[in-house]
Amino acid sequence: MSQYYPQQGPMYPPEQGPEEYYDDGDYEYIDDANPQKSLLQTSLAFIAGGCLVFICIGTCLFLGGFLWILDPGGGAVASAPVEGGDIGLSFNDPAFPGEAVVNDLGMQVTVLETNRNASLESLPPVQGRETIIVTIELVNLGDEEASFNERDFFLVNAYEEVYEPALGAVTGALGRGTLPPNEGLEGRLVYEVIEGELDLQLLWDVGRDSEPRYIYIE
């Protein structure tokens, strides 16, 4: 007699449910069971951000106030143009008599009076020529002592021909010297020009990195 053996199936592992193929360690577990904790974290983050913004704004305001104390004008005074500093800058666009002209060094000049056909003992009359006396006011608008010299002033005719001053030819001549800050003086300048010259201008040229200034004398 032969003995019957049931047929054996393939050697496969027993079937497993889908849930047994997943490893809980590979996935992030989110706990939605405590919404109050999430709300608290969000609130704390919002408050922290607000505090940071407040600190930044406060720091900016503090620095702005500190700089304002150091310089209340905020540099406006230093950058503001000086009155009279933008006129008389060229022969074709001179200042008018009586206008205060300020050069780059903070010195101000105003033509007060012009006396044509003047007579001076120090300058004997010459046929075809005349003597002109120009009285000016000079003021130091700067913060430091400034020098002046009557050699810096010339007369220029319509053809831009230059007449030099007759130094010390009259009482009260401008001469030369220095002016303390915020102080001024009057001085007289003397010139010998061709008789009947018209459109004469006072040319003020101190050199020393300062542009010349032009002023009609009459």
N, C-alpha and C. Protein backbone atom coordinates (compact mmCIF):
# COMPACT_ATOMS: atom_id res chain seq x y z
N MET A 1 0.85 -1.17 0.00
CA MET A 1 0.00 0.00 0.00
C MET A 1 0.88 1.21 0.00
N SER A 2 0.39 2.12 -0.77
CA SER A 2 1.15 3.40 -0.78
C SER A 2 0.48 4.38 0.13
N GLN A 3 1.32 5.32 0.66
CA GLN A 3 0.80 6.34 1.62
C GLN A 3 0.70 7.67 0.89
N TYR A 4 -0.39 8.39 1.07
CA TYR A 4 -0.65 9.68 0.38
C TYR A 4 -0.15 10.82 1.24
N TYR A 5 0.64 11.68 0.59
CA TYR A 5 1.15 12.89 1.27
C TYR A 5 0.53 14.12 0.60
N PRO A 6 -0.08 14.93 1.32
CA PRO A 6 -0.69 16.13 0.69
C PRO A 6 0.39 17.03 0.08
N GLN A 7 0.02 17.64 -1.04
CA GLN A 7 0.97 18.51 -1.77
C GLN A 7 1.29 19.74 -0.94
N GLN A 8 2.59 20.02 -0.88
CA GLN A 8 3.05 21.21 -0.11
C GLN A 8 3.06 22.44 -1.01
N GLY A 9 2.57 23.59 -0.51
CA GLY A 9 2.59 24.85 -1.27
C GLY A 9 3.96 25.52 -1.24
N PRO A 10 4.14 26.58 -1.97
CA PRO A 10 5.43 27.31 -1.97
C PRO A 10 5.75 27.79 -0.58
N MET A 11 7.04 27.94 -0.36
CA MET A 11 7.50 28.36 0.97
C MET A 11 7.43 29.87 1.09
N TYR A 12 6.25 30.40 1.18
CA TYR A 12 6.06 31.86 1.34
C TYR A 12 5.69 32.15 2.77
N PRO A 13 6.11 33.33 3.25
CA PRO A 13 5.69 33.71 4.61
C PRO A 13 4.20 33.95 4.64
N PRO A 14 3.64 33.79 5.73
CA PRO A 14 2.19 34.01 5.82
C PRO A 14 1.85 35.46 5.49
N GLU A 15 0.66 35.60 4.90
CA GLU A 15 0.25 36.96 4.52
C GLU A 15 0.16 37.85 5.75
N GLN A 16 0.54 39.10 5.46
CA GLN A 16 0.50 40.10 6.53
C GLN A 16 -0.44 41.24 6.10
N GLY A 17 -1.05 41.86 7.06
CA GLY A 17 -1.95 42.97 6.78
C GLY A 17 -1.18 44.20 6.36
N PRO A 18 -1.80 45.07 5.65
CA PRO A 18 -1.11 46.29 5.18
C PRO A 18 -0.52 47.09 6.32
N GLU A 19 -1.17 47.04 7.45
CA GLU A 19 -0.67 47.85 8.56
C GLU A 19 0.64 47.35 9.08
N GLU A 20 1.03 46.12 8.77
CA GLU A 20 2.26 45.59 9.31
C GLU A 20 3.46 45.96 8.47
N TYR A 21 3.25 46.63 7.29
CA TYR A 21 4.37 47.03 6.44
C TYR A 21 4.87 48.42 6.77
N TYR A 22 4.22 49.16 7.62
CA TYR A 22 4.60 50.53 7.95
C TYR A 22 5.36 50.56 9.24
N ASP A 23 6.38 51.41 9.25
CA ASP A 23 7.20 51.61 10.45
C ASP A 23 6.87 52.96 11.04
N ASP A 24 6.33 52.94 12.22
CA ASP A 24 5.93 54.21 12.85
C ASP A 24 7.10 55.16 13.05
N GLY A 25 8.31 54.63 13.07
CA GLY A 25 9.47 55.51 13.30
C GLY A 25 9.78 56.38 12.11
N ASP A 26 9.23 56.05 10.92
CA ASP A 26 9.54 56.82 9.71
C ASP A 26 8.61 58.00 9.52
N TYR A 27 7.64 58.18 10.34
CA TYR A 27 6.64 59.23 10.15
C TYR A 27 6.56 60.11 11.38
N GLU A 28 6.32 61.39 11.09
CA GLU A 28 6.19 62.35 12.19
C GLU A 28 4.79 62.26 12.76
N TYR A 29 4.78 62.22 14.01
CA TYR A 29 3.49 62.08 14.69
C TYR A 29 3.02 63.45 15.15
N ILE A 30 1.88 63.85 14.68
CA ILE A 30 1.31 65.15 15.03
C ILE A 30 0.19 64.94 16.02
N ASP A 31 0.36 65.65 17.09
CA ASP A 31 -0.64 65.51 18.16
C ASP A 31 -1.65 66.62 18.02
N ASP A 32 -2.84 66.30 17.54
CA ASP A 32 -3.91 67.27 17.43
C ASP A 32 -4.86 67.20 18.61
N ALA A 33 -4.42 66.49 19.58
CA ALA A 33 -5.33 66.29 20.71
C ALA A 33 -5.31 67.47 21.66
N ASN A 34 -4.27 68.41 21.52
CA ASN A 34 -4.16 69.52 22.47
C ASN A 34 -4.09 70.84 21.71
N PRO A 35 -5.20 71.36 21.16
CA PRO A 35 -5.20 72.60 20.39
C PRO A 35 -4.82 73.80 21.23
N GLN A 36 -5.06 73.79 22.52
CA GLN A 36 -4.72 74.93 23.38
C GLN A 36 -3.21 75.16 23.41
N LYS A 37 -2.44 74.05 23.39
CA LYS A 37 -0.98 74.18 23.40
C LYS A 37 -0.51 74.85 22.12
N SER A 38 -1.07 74.48 20.95
CA SER A 38 -0.68 75.09 19.68
C SER A 38 -1.04 76.57 19.67
N LEU A 39 -2.20 76.92 20.17
CA LEU A 39 -2.61 78.31 20.23
C LEU A 39 -1.68 79.12 21.12
N LEU A 40 -1.25 78.56 22.22
CA LEU A 40 -0.34 79.24 23.14
C LEU A 40 1.00 79.51 22.46
N GLN A 41 1.50 78.51 21.71
CA GLN A 41 2.78 78.69 21.02
C GLN A 41 2.67 79.79 19.96
N THR A 42 1.56 79.81 19.23
CA THR A 42 1.37 80.85 18.21
C THR A 42 1.30 82.24 18.85
N SER A 43 0.60 82.34 19.97
CA SER A 43 0.48 83.63 20.65
C SER A 43 1.83 84.12 21.15
N LEU A 44 2.61 83.20 21.74
CA LEU A 44 3.93 83.58 22.24
C LEU A 44 4.84 84.05 21.10
N ALA A 45 4.77 83.38 19.94
CA ALA A 45 5.59 83.79 18.79
C ALA A 45 5.18 85.17 18.30
N PHE A 46 3.85 85.43 18.27
CA PHE A 46 3.36 86.74 17.84
C PHE A 46 3.82 87.84 18.79
N ILE A 47 3.72 87.58 20.08
CA ILE A 47 4.15 88.58 21.08
C ILE A 47 5.65 88.83 20.98
N ALA A 48 6.43 87.79 20.78
CA ALA A 48 7.89 87.95 20.66
C ALA A 48 8.24 88.81 19.45
N GLY A 49 7.55 88.57 18.31
CA GLY A 49 7.80 89.38 17.12
C GLY A 49 7.44 90.83 17.34
N GLY A 50 6.31 91.07 18.01
CA GLY A 50 5.90 92.44 18.31
C GLY A 50 6.90 93.16 19.20
N CYS A 51 7.42 92.45 20.19
CA CYS A 51 8.43 93.05 21.08
C CYS A 51 9.69 93.41 20.31
N LEU A 52 10.08 92.54 19.38
CA LEU A 52 11.28 92.82 18.59
C LEU A 52 11.10 94.07 17.74
N VAL A 53 9.93 94.19 17.10
CA VAL A 53 9.65 95.38 16.30
C VAL A 53 9.64 96.63 17.18
N PHE A 54 9.04 96.55 18.36
CA PHE A 54 8.99 97.68 19.28
C PHE A 54 10.39 98.11 19.70
N ILE A 55 11.25 97.12 19.98
CA ILE A 55 12.64 97.44 20.37
C ILE A 55 13.37 98.14 19.24
N CYS A 56 13.18 97.68 18.00
CA CYS A 56 13.85 98.29 16.84
C CYS A 56 13.40 99.74 16.65
N ILE A 57 12.07 99.97 16.73
CA ILE A 57 11.55 101.32 16.56
C ILE A 57 12.06 102.23 17.67
N GLY A 58 12.03 101.71 18.91
CA GLY A 58 12.52 102.51 20.04
C GLY A 58 13.98 102.88 19.89
N THR A 59 14.79 101.94 19.40
CA THR A 59 16.22 102.22 19.19
C THR A 59 16.41 103.30 18.15
N CYS A 60 15.66 103.23 17.05
CA CYS A 60 15.76 104.25 16.00
C CYS A 60 15.37 105.63 16.51
N LEU A 61 14.28 105.68 17.28
CA LEU A 61 13.85 106.96 17.84
C LEU A 61 14.88 107.52 18.80
N PHE A 62 15.48 106.65 19.61
CA PHE A 62 16.50 107.10 20.56
C PHE A 62 17.71 107.67 19.83
N LEU A 63 18.17 106.97 18.78
CA LEU A 63 19.32 107.46 18.03
C LEU A 63 19.01 108.77 17.32
N GLY A 64 17.77 108.88 16.77
CA GLY A 64 17.38 110.13 16.12
C GLY A 64 17.37 111.29 17.10
N GLY A 65 16.81 111.06 18.31
CA GLY A 65 16.80 112.12 19.31
C GLY A 65 18.19 112.51 19.76
N PHE A 66 19.07 111.52 19.89
CA PHE A 66 20.44 111.81 20.31
C PHE A 66 21.17 112.65 19.27
N LEU A 67 20.99 112.29 17.97
CA LEU A 67 21.62 113.07 16.90
C LEU A 67 21.04 114.47 16.81
N TRP A 68 19.74 114.60 17.08
CA TRP A 68 19.13 115.94 17.04
C TRP A 68 19.69 116.81 18.14
N ILE A 69 19.96 116.23 19.33
CA ILE A 69 20.56 117.00 20.43
C ILE A 69 21.95 117.48 20.05
N LEU A 70 22.71 116.62 19.36
CA LEU A 70 24.06 117.01 18.94
C LEU A 70 24.01 118.10 17.88
N ASP A 71 23.03 118.03 16.97
CA ASP A 71 22.92 119.01 15.89
C ASP A 71 21.45 119.33 15.67
N PRO A 72 20.88 120.28 16.43
CA PRO A 72 19.44 120.56 16.33
C PRO A 72 19.00 120.93 14.93
N GLY A 73 19.89 121.55 14.16
CA GLY A 73 19.50 121.95 12.82
C GLY A 73 19.54 120.83 11.82
N GLY A 74 20.09 119.67 12.23
CA GLY A 74 20.17 118.55 11.32
C GLY A 74 21.01 118.83 10.09
N GLY A 75 22.01 119.74 10.22
CA GLY A 75 22.88 120.06 9.09
C GLY A 75 22.26 121.06 8.14
N ALA A 76 21.04 121.54 8.46
CA ALA A 76 20.38 122.47 7.55
C ALA A 76 21.13 123.78 7.47
N VAL A 77 21.69 124.24 8.60
CA VAL A 77 22.40 125.51 8.60
C VAL A 77 23.63 125.44 7.73
N ALA A 78 24.36 124.32 7.82
CA ALA A 78 25.59 124.20 7.06
C ALA A 78 25.32 124.13 5.57
N SER A 79 24.21 123.50 5.17
CA SER A 79 23.94 123.32 3.76
C SER A 79 23.15 124.46 3.15
N ALA A 80 22.56 125.33 3.96
CA ALA A 80 21.76 126.43 3.44
C ALA A 80 22.65 127.43 2.73
N PRO A 81 22.24 127.92 1.53
CA PRO A 81 23.04 128.91 0.82
C PRO A 81 23.10 130.22 1.58
N VAL A 82 24.25 130.89 1.52
CA VAL A 82 24.42 132.17 2.19
C VAL A 82 23.77 133.26 1.36
N GLU A 83 23.00 134.13 1.99
CA GLU A 83 22.35 135.21 1.27
C GLU A 83 23.39 136.14 0.67
N GLY A 84 23.28 136.38 -0.62
CA GLY A 84 24.24 137.22 -1.31
C GLY A 84 25.39 136.43 -1.92
N GLY A 85 25.45 135.12 -1.66
CA GLY A 85 26.54 134.32 -2.18
C GLY A 85 26.34 133.88 -3.62
N ASP A 86 25.14 134.08 -4.17
CA ASP A 86 24.85 133.61 -5.52
C ASP A 86 24.62 134.76 -6.50
N ILE A 87 25.06 135.98 -6.17
CA ILE A 87 24.91 137.11 -7.08
C ILE A 87 26.28 137.71 -7.36
N GLY A 88 26.37 138.39 -8.52
CA GLY A 88 27.62 139.03 -8.90
C GLY A 88 28.71 138.05 -9.28
N LEU A 89 28.33 136.88 -9.79
CA LEU A 89 29.31 135.84 -10.07
C LEU A 89 30.00 135.98 -11.42
N SER A 90 29.52 136.89 -12.27
CA SER A 90 30.14 137.03 -13.58
C SER A 90 30.06 138.48 -14.05
N PHE A 91 30.90 138.80 -15.03
CA PHE A 91 30.91 140.15 -15.60
C PHE A 91 29.58 140.48 -16.26
N ASN A 92 28.95 139.48 -16.87
CA ASN A 92 27.69 139.69 -17.57
C ASN A 92 26.47 139.66 -16.65
N ASP A 93 26.67 139.30 -15.42
CA ASP A 93 25.55 139.26 -14.46
C ASP A 93 26.02 139.79 -13.10
N PRO A 94 26.36 141.08 -13.06
CA PRO A 94 26.89 141.66 -11.81
C PRO A 94 25.79 141.99 -10.82
N ALA A 95 26.20 142.23 -9.59
CA ALA A 95 25.26 142.73 -8.58
C ALA A 95 25.05 144.23 -8.81
N PHE A 96 23.98 144.75 -8.22
CA PHE A 96 23.69 146.18 -8.34
C PHE A 96 24.21 146.93 -7.12
N PRO A 97 24.43 148.23 -7.25
CA PRO A 97 24.87 149.01 -6.09
C PRO A 97 23.88 148.87 -4.94
N GLY A 98 24.39 148.69 -3.75
CA GLY A 98 23.54 148.52 -2.58
C GLY A 98 23.26 147.07 -2.26
N GLU A 99 23.50 146.16 -3.19
CA GLU A 99 23.31 144.73 -2.92
C GLU A 99 24.53 144.18 -2.19
N ALA A 100 24.28 143.41 -1.14
CA ALA A 100 25.37 142.79 -0.39
C ALA A 100 25.83 141.53 -1.13
N VAL A 101 27.12 141.48 -1.41
CA VAL A 101 27.71 140.35 -2.12
C VAL A 101 28.63 139.60 -1.17
N VAL A 102 28.49 138.27 -1.11
CA VAL A 102 29.27 137.44 -0.20
C VAL A 102 30.13 136.48 -1.01
N ASN A 103 31.43 136.43 -0.70
CA ASN A 103 32.30 135.51 -1.43
C ASN A 103 32.39 134.16 -0.72
N ASP A 104 33.20 133.27 -1.26
CA ASP A 104 33.29 131.91 -0.74
C ASP A 104 33.96 131.83 0.63
N LEU A 105 34.59 132.91 1.06
CA LEU A 105 35.27 132.92 2.35
C LEU A 105 34.41 133.54 3.45
N GLY A 106 33.17 133.87 3.12
CA GLY A 106 32.27 134.44 4.12
C GLY A 106 32.46 135.93 4.34
N MET A 107 33.11 136.61 3.42
CA MET A 107 33.28 138.06 3.51
C MET A 107 32.21 138.73 2.64
N GLN A 108 31.63 139.80 3.18
CA GLN A 108 30.53 140.49 2.50
C GLN A 108 30.95 141.92 2.13
N VAL A 109 30.63 142.32 0.90
CA VAL A 109 30.95 143.67 0.42
C VAL A 109 29.68 144.32 -0.12
N THR A 110 29.49 145.59 0.22
CA THR A 110 28.39 146.39 -0.30
C THR A 110 28.94 147.74 -0.76
N VAL A 111 28.59 148.14 -1.97
CA VAL A 111 28.98 149.47 -2.47
C VAL A 111 28.01 150.49 -1.89
N LEU A 112 28.54 151.41 -1.10
CA LEU A 112 27.71 152.42 -0.44
C LEU A 112 27.58 153.71 -1.24
N GLU A 113 28.67 154.11 -1.89
CA GLU A 113 28.67 155.41 -2.58
C GLU A 113 29.75 155.45 -3.65
N THR A 114 29.46 156.17 -4.73
CA THR A 114 30.45 156.38 -5.79
C THR A 114 30.56 157.89 -6.06
N ASN A 115 31.78 158.40 -6.03
CA ASN A 115 32.05 159.83 -6.24
C ASN A 115 32.94 159.98 -7.48
N ARG A 116 32.33 160.47 -8.56
CA ARG A 116 33.09 160.64 -9.79
C ARG A 116 33.65 162.06 -9.86
N ASN A 117 34.69 162.24 -10.67
CA ASN A 117 35.36 163.53 -10.83
C ASN A 117 35.81 164.09 -9.50
N ALA A 118 36.29 163.22 -8.64
CA ALA A 118 36.78 163.67 -7.33
C ALA A 118 38.11 164.40 -7.49
N SER A 119 38.39 165.27 -6.51
CA SER A 119 39.64 166.02 -6.51
C SER A 119 40.44 165.66 -5.27
N LEU A 120 41.66 165.19 -5.50
CA LEU A 120 42.52 164.78 -4.40
C LEU A 120 43.90 165.42 -4.56
N GLU A 121 44.45 165.91 -3.45
CA GLU A 121 45.77 166.51 -3.51
C GLU A 121 46.85 165.48 -3.87
N SER A 122 46.62 164.27 -3.46
CA SER A 122 47.62 163.22 -3.72
C SER A 122 47.64 162.77 -5.18
N LEU A 123 46.58 163.15 -5.94
CA LEU A 123 46.50 162.77 -7.35
C LEU A 123 46.24 164.02 -8.20
N PRO A 124 47.29 164.65 -8.68
CA PRO A 124 47.10 165.84 -9.53
C PRO A 124 46.25 165.50 -10.76
N PRO A 125 45.39 166.40 -11.18
CA PRO A 125 44.52 166.13 -12.33
C PRO A 125 45.33 165.90 -13.61
N VAL A 126 44.85 165.00 -14.44
CA VAL A 126 45.47 164.66 -15.72
C VAL A 126 44.43 164.83 -16.81
N GLN A 127 44.83 165.49 -17.90
CA GLN A 127 43.92 165.75 -19.00
C GLN A 127 43.39 164.42 -19.56
N GLY A 128 42.06 164.34 -19.69
CA GLY A 128 41.43 163.16 -20.27
C GLY A 128 41.20 162.02 -19.28
N ARG A 129 41.51 162.27 -18.01
CA ARG A 129 41.30 161.24 -16.99
C ARG A 129 40.52 161.84 -15.83
N GLU A 130 39.87 160.97 -15.09
CA GLU A 130 39.12 161.40 -13.91
C GLU A 130 39.39 160.47 -12.74
N THR A 131 39.18 161.01 -11.54
CA THR A 131 39.38 160.24 -10.31
C THR A 131 38.03 159.81 -9.76
N ILE A 132 37.93 158.56 -9.43
CA ILE A 132 36.68 158.00 -8.87
C ILE A 132 36.98 157.43 -7.49
N ILE A 133 36.11 157.79 -6.53
CA ILE A 133 36.22 157.24 -5.17
C ILE A 133 35.00 156.35 -4.92
N VAL A 134 35.25 155.11 -4.55
CA VAL A 134 34.18 154.15 -4.26
C VAL A 134 34.25 153.80 -2.77
N THR A 135 33.15 154.05 -2.07
CA THR A 135 33.08 153.71 -0.64
C THR A 135 32.35 152.39 -0.48
N ILE A 136 32.97 151.47 0.24
CA ILE A 136 32.37 150.15 0.43
C ILE A 136 32.26 149.83 1.91
N GLU A 137 31.39 148.89 2.21
CA GLU A 137 31.29 148.30 3.55
C GLU A 137 31.75 146.85 3.45
N LEU A 138 32.61 146.46 4.37
CA LEU A 138 33.16 145.10 4.40
C LEU A 138 32.80 144.46 5.73
N VAL A 139 32.19 143.26 5.70
CA VAL A 139 31.75 142.57 6.91
C VAL A 139 32.24 141.13 6.87
N ASN A 140 32.73 140.67 8.00
CA ASN A 140 33.15 139.27 8.13
C ASN A 140 31.99 138.46 8.69
N LEU A 141 31.40 137.62 7.86
CA LEU A 141 30.27 136.77 8.27
C LEU A 141 30.72 135.40 8.76
N GLY A 142 32.02 135.12 8.68
CA GLY A 142 32.52 133.81 9.05
C GLY A 142 32.71 133.64 10.54
N ASP A 143 33.24 132.48 10.92
CA ASP A 143 33.48 132.14 12.33
C ASP A 143 34.92 132.40 12.76
N GLU A 144 35.77 132.78 11.82
CA GLU A 144 37.17 133.01 12.13
C GLU A 144 37.60 134.39 11.62
N GLU A 145 38.69 134.88 12.16
CA GLU A 145 39.23 136.16 11.71
C GLU A 145 39.62 136.07 10.24
N ALA A 146 39.31 137.12 9.47
CA ALA A 146 39.57 137.12 8.03
C ALA A 146 40.37 138.36 7.65
N SER A 147 41.21 138.20 6.65
CA SER A 147 42.04 139.31 6.19
C SER A 147 41.37 140.02 5.01
N PHE A 148 41.75 141.28 4.79
CA PHE A 148 41.25 142.05 3.64
C PHE A 148 42.38 142.93 3.12
N ASN A 149 42.25 143.36 1.87
CA ASN A 149 43.28 144.18 1.25
C ASN A 149 42.67 144.95 0.09
N GLU A 150 42.95 146.27 0.03
CA GLU A 150 42.38 147.06 -1.05
C GLU A 150 42.96 146.67 -2.41
N ARG A 151 44.05 145.93 -2.42
CA ARG A 151 44.60 145.44 -3.68
C ARG A 151 43.69 144.40 -4.33
N ASP A 152 42.72 143.89 -3.59
CA ASP A 152 41.80 142.88 -4.13
C ASP A 152 40.65 143.49 -4.91
N PHE A 153 40.59 144.82 -4.99
CA PHE A 153 39.46 145.50 -5.64
C PHE A 153 39.97 146.27 -6.88
N PHE A 154 39.27 146.04 -8.01
CA PHE A 154 39.63 146.68 -9.27
C PHE A 154 38.37 147.29 -9.90
N LEU A 155 38.58 148.23 -10.83
CA LEU A 155 37.48 148.71 -11.65
C LEU A 155 37.63 148.11 -13.04
N VAL A 156 36.50 147.70 -13.63
CA VAL A 156 36.49 147.08 -14.95
C VAL A 156 35.51 147.87 -15.83
N ASN A 157 35.98 148.24 -17.03
CA ASN A 157 35.08 148.97 -17.93
C ASN A 157 34.29 148.00 -18.81
N ALA A 158 33.54 148.55 -19.77
CA ALA A 158 32.66 147.73 -20.61
C ALA A 158 33.43 146.76 -21.48
N TYR A 159 34.72 147.02 -21.69
CA TYR A 159 35.56 146.14 -22.52
C TYR A 159 36.39 145.18 -21.66
N GLU A 160 36.05 145.13 -20.37
CA GLU A 160 36.73 144.28 -19.40
C GLU A 160 38.20 144.67 -19.22
N GLU A 161 38.49 145.93 -19.49
CA GLU A 161 39.81 146.46 -19.18
C GLU A 161 39.84 146.82 -17.69
N VAL A 162 40.96 146.53 -17.03
CA VAL A 162 41.04 146.61 -15.58
C VAL A 162 41.85 147.83 -15.14
N TYR A 163 41.30 148.55 -14.15
CA TYR A 163 42.01 149.65 -13.50
C TYR A 163 42.36 149.22 -12.07
N GLU A 164 43.61 149.40 -11.71
CA GLU A 164 44.05 149.06 -10.36
C GLU A 164 43.82 150.24 -9.42
N PRO A 165 43.66 149.97 -8.11
CA PRO A 165 43.41 151.06 -7.16
C PRO A 165 44.68 151.88 -6.91
N ALA A 166 44.47 153.15 -6.60
CA ALA A 166 45.57 154.02 -6.15
C ALA A 166 45.67 153.85 -4.65
N LEU A 167 46.67 153.13 -4.19
CA LEU A 167 46.74 152.71 -2.80
C LEU A 167 46.97 153.89 -1.86
N GLY A 168 46.12 153.97 -0.82
CA GLY A 168 46.29 154.98 0.22
C GLY A 168 46.20 156.40 -0.26
N ALA A 169 45.48 156.64 -1.35
CA ALA A 169 45.43 157.98 -1.94
C ALA A 169 44.43 158.90 -1.26
N VAL A 170 43.64 158.40 -0.33
CA VAL A 170 42.60 159.21 0.27
C VAL A 170 42.48 158.87 1.76
N THR A 171 42.03 159.86 2.53
CA THR A 171 41.76 159.60 3.94
C THR A 171 40.61 158.60 4.07
N GLY A 172 40.81 157.62 4.94
CA GLY A 172 39.79 156.58 5.10
C GLY A 172 39.91 155.47 4.08
N ALA A 173 41.09 155.37 3.45
CA ALA A 173 41.31 154.29 2.47
C ALA A 173 41.11 152.94 3.15
N LEU A 174 40.65 151.98 2.37
CA LEU A 174 40.40 150.65 2.94
C LEU A 174 41.67 150.03 3.50
N GLY A 175 42.77 150.20 2.79
CA GLY A 175 44.03 149.64 3.28
C GLY A 175 43.99 148.13 3.35
N ARG A 176 44.63 147.58 4.37
CA ARG A 176 44.62 146.14 4.57
C ARG A 176 44.64 145.84 6.06
N GLY A 177 44.22 144.66 6.42
CA GLY A 177 44.18 144.27 7.83
C GLY A 177 43.36 143.01 7.99
N THR A 178 42.82 142.83 9.20
CA THR A 178 41.99 141.65 9.50
C THR A 178 40.71 142.10 10.20
N LEU A 179 39.70 141.28 10.06
CA LEU A 179 38.40 141.54 10.69
C LEU A 179 38.00 140.35 11.55
N PRO A 180 37.64 140.60 12.82
CA PRO A 180 37.12 139.50 13.66
C PRO A 180 35.76 139.05 13.14
N PRO A 181 35.30 137.89 13.54
CA PRO A 181 33.99 137.40 13.12
C PRO A 181 32.87 138.37 13.50
N ASN A 182 31.90 138.53 12.61
CA ASN A 182 30.70 139.35 12.83
C ASN A 182 31.03 140.82 13.06
N GLU A 183 32.13 141.29 12.52
CA GLU A 183 32.46 142.71 12.59
C GLU A 183 32.68 143.25 11.19
N GLY A 184 32.52 144.57 11.05
CA GLY A 184 32.66 145.19 9.73
C GLY A 184 33.30 146.56 9.81
N LEU A 185 33.55 147.13 8.63
CA LEU A 185 34.13 148.48 8.56
C LEU A 185 33.81 149.08 7.20
N GLU A 186 34.00 150.40 7.10
CA GLU A 186 33.86 151.11 5.84
C GLU A 186 35.23 151.53 5.36
N GLY A 187 35.42 151.50 4.06
CA GLY A 187 36.70 151.91 3.48
C GLY A 187 36.48 152.55 2.13
N ARG A 188 37.46 153.34 1.69
CA ARG A 188 37.36 154.05 0.42
C ARG A 188 38.42 153.53 -0.55
N LEU A 189 38.02 153.40 -1.80
CA LEU A 189 38.89 152.94 -2.87
C LEU A 189 38.99 154.03 -3.93
N VAL A 190 40.19 154.27 -4.45
CA VAL A 190 40.42 155.35 -5.41
C VAL A 190 40.96 154.78 -6.72
N TYR A 191 40.40 155.32 -7.84
CA TYR A 191 40.83 154.86 -9.17
C TYR A 191 40.96 156.06 -10.11
N GLU A 192 41.92 155.97 -11.01
CA GLU A 192 42.06 156.92 -12.10
C GLU A 192 41.67 156.21 -13.39
N VAL A 193 40.63 156.72 -14.06
CA VAL A 193 40.12 156.06 -15.26
C VAL A 193 40.02 157.09 -16.39
N ILE A 194 39.77 156.58 -17.60
CA ILE A 194 39.54 157.47 -18.73
C ILE A 194 38.25 158.26 -18.48
N GLU A 195 38.31 159.52 -18.73
CA GLU A 195 37.16 160.39 -18.44
C GLU A 195 35.93 159.94 -19.21
N GLY A 196 34.81 159.86 -18.51
CA GLY A 196 33.55 159.51 -19.15
C GLY A 196 33.32 158.02 -19.32
N GLU A 197 34.13 157.19 -18.71
CA GLU A 197 33.92 155.74 -18.79
C GLU A 197 32.52 155.39 -18.25
N LEU A 198 31.82 154.50 -18.98
CA LEU A 198 30.48 154.07 -18.56
C LEU A 198 30.49 152.58 -18.21
N ASP A 199 29.42 152.18 -17.53
CA ASP A 199 29.23 150.77 -17.17
C ASP A 199 30.41 150.20 -16.40
N LEU A 200 30.92 150.96 -15.49
CA LEU A 200 32.05 150.49 -14.68
C LEU A 200 31.56 149.54 -13.60
N GLN A 201 32.35 148.51 -13.37
CA GLN A 201 32.04 147.53 -12.34
C GLN A 201 33.22 147.39 -11.38
N LEU A 202 32.87 147.16 -10.12
CA LEU A 202 33.89 146.86 -9.13
C LEU A 202 34.15 145.36 -9.17
N LEU A 203 35.40 144.98 -9.43
CA LEU A 203 35.79 143.58 -9.45
C LEU A 203 36.49 143.26 -8.13
N TRP A 204 35.92 142.28 -7.40
CA TRP A 204 36.47 141.88 -6.10
C TRP A 204 37.03 140.47 -6.26
N ASP A 205 38.34 140.36 -6.21
CA ASP A 205 38.99 139.08 -6.46
C ASP A 205 40.09 138.87 -5.41
N VAL A 206 39.79 138.06 -4.41
CA VAL A 206 40.74 137.81 -3.33
C VAL A 206 41.62 136.60 -3.61
N GLY A 207 41.31 135.86 -4.70
CA GLY A 207 42.08 134.64 -4.97
C GLY A 207 41.76 133.62 -3.89
N ARG A 208 42.77 132.84 -3.50
CA ARG A 208 42.65 131.90 -2.38
C ARG A 208 41.37 131.05 -2.48
N ASP A 209 41.18 130.42 -3.64
CA ASP A 209 40.05 129.49 -3.84
C ASP A 209 38.69 130.16 -3.68
N SER A 210 38.60 131.44 -4.04
CA SER A 210 37.32 132.15 -4.00
C SER A 210 37.05 132.76 -5.36
N GLU A 211 35.86 132.54 -5.88
CA GLU A 211 35.50 133.10 -7.19
C GLU A 211 35.36 134.61 -7.11
N PRO A 212 35.74 135.32 -8.17
CA PRO A 212 35.58 136.79 -8.20
C PRO A 212 34.10 137.18 -8.14
N ARG A 213 33.85 138.42 -7.68
CA ARG A 213 32.51 138.98 -7.63
C ARG A 213 32.53 140.32 -8.36
N TYR A 214 31.41 140.62 -9.06
CA TYR A 214 31.29 141.84 -9.85
C TYR A 214 30.10 142.67 -9.33
N ILE A 215 30.33 144.00 -9.19
CA ILE A 215 29.26 144.89 -8.69
C ILE A 215 29.29 146.18 -9.51
N TYR A 216 28.12 146.56 -10.05
CA TYR A 216 28.00 147.88 -10.69
C TYR A 216 28.27 148.96 -9.63
N ILE A 217 28.98 150.00 -10.03
CA ILE A 217 29.24 151.05 -9.04
C ILE A 217 28.25 152.21 -9.15
N GLU A 218 27.45 152.24 -10.26
CA GLU A 218 26.44 153.30 -10.40
C GLU A 218 25.40 152.89 -11.42
